[in-house]
Amino acid sequence: MGKEIWKDVIGFEGIYSVSNKGRIRRDICSKGGVAGRILKPAFSNGYLAVCLCKNGTRKTTKIHRIMVMAFIGVKSKEVNHKDRVKINNNLKNLEYVTHRKNAQHHYKSLR
């Protein structure tokens, strides 16, 4: 399945990393935290999400958004799961698309 590659989570550099396989880990120890620990995702509107903390502020973010920002770059477009499975956050399954293409893809999945 290939080597797992880790990159900084954009906006949380040095605190969290994301892998090309969709896993998020804590990189530094904080109060009650353990460095190197893989975060357990929760469901948010059918997607997998994690709660990230920085300077006492918590932010719940969907994993697929974290991944494309770290590996593909920050873009204003929407993220599409190519196989239509919202929890399959493998990097090869994600792509940036326009709103129109994302809506068309969603419509096809309803049939």
Protein backbone atom coordinates (compact mmCIF):
# COMPACT_ATOMS: atom_id res chain seq x y z
CA MET A 1 0.00 0.00 0.00
CA GLY A 2 3.04 2.27 0.02
CA LYS A 3 4.98 4.23 2.56
CA GLU A 4 3.14 6.53 4.93
CA ILE A 5 4.24 10.14 4.37
CA TRP A 6 3.67 12.84 7.00
CA LYS A 7 3.31 16.60 6.47
CA ASP A 8 2.49 19.51 8.77
CA VAL A 9 -1.17 20.43 9.18
CA ILE A 10 -1.53 23.92 7.66
CA GLY A 11 -2.11 26.44 10.43
CA PHE A 12 -0.89 23.96 13.05
CA GLU A 13 2.71 23.51 11.89
CA GLY A 14 4.90 21.76 14.47
CA ILE A 15 1.83 20.79 16.50
CA TYR A 16 0.03 18.27 14.27
CA SER A 17 0.91 16.22 11.18
CA VAL A 18 -1.27 14.51 8.58
CA SER A 19 -0.36 11.39 6.61
CA ASN A 20 -1.19 10.49 3.03
CA LYS A 21 -3.30 7.67 4.51
CA GLY A 22 -5.58 10.08 6.36
CA ARG A 23 -4.19 9.82 9.87
CA ILE A 24 -3.58 12.86 12.11
CA ARG A 25 -0.99 12.82 14.90
CA ARG A 26 0.05 15.18 17.66
CA ASP A 27 3.71 16.20 17.25
CA ILE A 28 4.36 17.93 20.57
CA CYS A 29 3.42 17.28 24.17
CA SER A 30 0.92 19.60 25.76
CA LYS A 31 -1.04 19.44 28.99
CA GLY A 32 -2.33 15.88 29.12
CA GLY A 33 -1.21 15.20 25.56
CA VAL A 34 1.23 12.62 24.25
CA ALA A 35 3.62 13.37 21.37
CA GLY A 36 3.24 10.94 18.47
CA ARG A 37 -0.31 9.96 19.43
CA ILE A 38 -2.68 9.33 16.52
CA LEU A 39 -5.92 11.27 17.00
CA LYS A 40 -9.19 9.38 16.99
CA PRO A 41 -11.54 10.90 14.41
CA ALA A 42 -15.23 11.53 14.99
CA PHE A 43 -18.06 11.89 12.50
CA SER A 44 -19.16 15.35 11.37
CA ASN A 45 -22.00 15.37 8.81
CA GLY A 46 -20.88 11.97 7.49
CA TYR A 47 -17.22 12.95 7.18
CA LEU A 48 -14.33 12.10 9.51
CA ALA A 49 -13.07 15.06 11.54
CA VAL A 50 -10.62 15.76 14.37
CA CYS A 51 -10.41 18.45 17.03
CA LEU A 52 -7.17 20.43 16.81
CA CYS A 53 -5.96 22.72 19.61
CA LYS A 54 -3.65 25.73 19.38
CA ASN A 55 -3.06 28.44 21.99
CA GLY A 56 -6.06 27.27 24.00
CA THR A 57 -8.43 27.40 21.03
CA ARG A 58 -10.09 24.25 19.66
CA LYS A 59 -11.07 23.79 16.03
CA THR A 60 -12.93 20.80 14.59
CA THR A 61 -11.76 20.19 11.02
CA LYS A 62 -12.64 17.55 8.46
CA ILE A 63 -9.71 15.27 7.65
CA HIS A 64 -10.13 15.42 3.87
CA ARG A 65 -9.72 19.23 3.97
CA ILE A 66 -6.60 18.93 6.15
CA MET A 67 -5.10 16.41 3.72
CA VAL A 68 -5.57 18.31 0.49
CA MET A 69 -4.28 21.52 2.03
CA ALA A 70 -1.11 19.78 3.24
CA PHE A 71 -0.40 17.61 0.19
CA ILE A 72 -1.94 19.49 -2.76
CA GLY A 73 -1.97 23.08 -1.50
CA VAL A 74 -4.43 25.66 -0.25
CA LYS A 75 -7.14 26.35 -2.79
CA SER A 76 -10.60 27.84 -2.54
CA LYS A 77 -12.24 24.98 -4.43
CA GLU A 78 -14.20 22.12 -2.88
CA VAL A 79 -12.83 18.65 -2.14
CA ASN A 80 -14.33 15.59 -3.81
CA HIS A 81 -14.08 11.94 -2.74
CA LYS A 82 -13.61 10.21 -6.12
CA ASP A 83 -15.15 6.91 -4.96
CA ARG A 84 -18.08 8.73 -3.25
CA VAL A 85 -17.14 7.22 0.15
CA LYS A 86 -16.95 10.14 2.58
CA ILE A 87 -14.74 8.27 5.06
CA ASN A 88 -12.15 7.12 2.49
CA ASN A 89 -9.56 9.84 3.06
CA ASN A 90 -6.71 8.19 1.18
CA LEU A 91 -4.90 10.96 -0.70
CA LYS A 92 -5.37 9.16 -4.04
CA ASN A 93 -9.14 9.35 -3.49
CA LEU A 94 -9.27 13.14 -3.00
CA GLU A 95 -9.30 15.97 -5.53
CA TYR A 96 -10.11 19.66 -5.72
CA VAL A 97 -13.15 20.41 -7.88
CA THR A 98 -15.38 23.35 -8.68
CA HIS A 99 -18.69 23.67 -6.88
CA ARG A 100 -20.49 22.69 -10.10
CA LYS A 101 -18.47 19.49 -10.57
CA ASN A 102 -18.89 18.58 -6.89
CA ALA A 103 -22.66 19.04 -7.18
CA GLN A 104 -22.74 16.89 -10.34
CA HIS A 105 -20.71 14.18 -8.60
CA HIS A 106 -23.09 14.28 -5.62
CA TYR A 107 -26.13 14.02 -7.91
CA LYS A 108 -24.66 10.93 -9.61
CA SER A 109 -24.13 9.29 -6.21
CA LEU A 110 -27.86 9.61 -5.44
CA ARG A 111 -28.84 7.47 -8.41
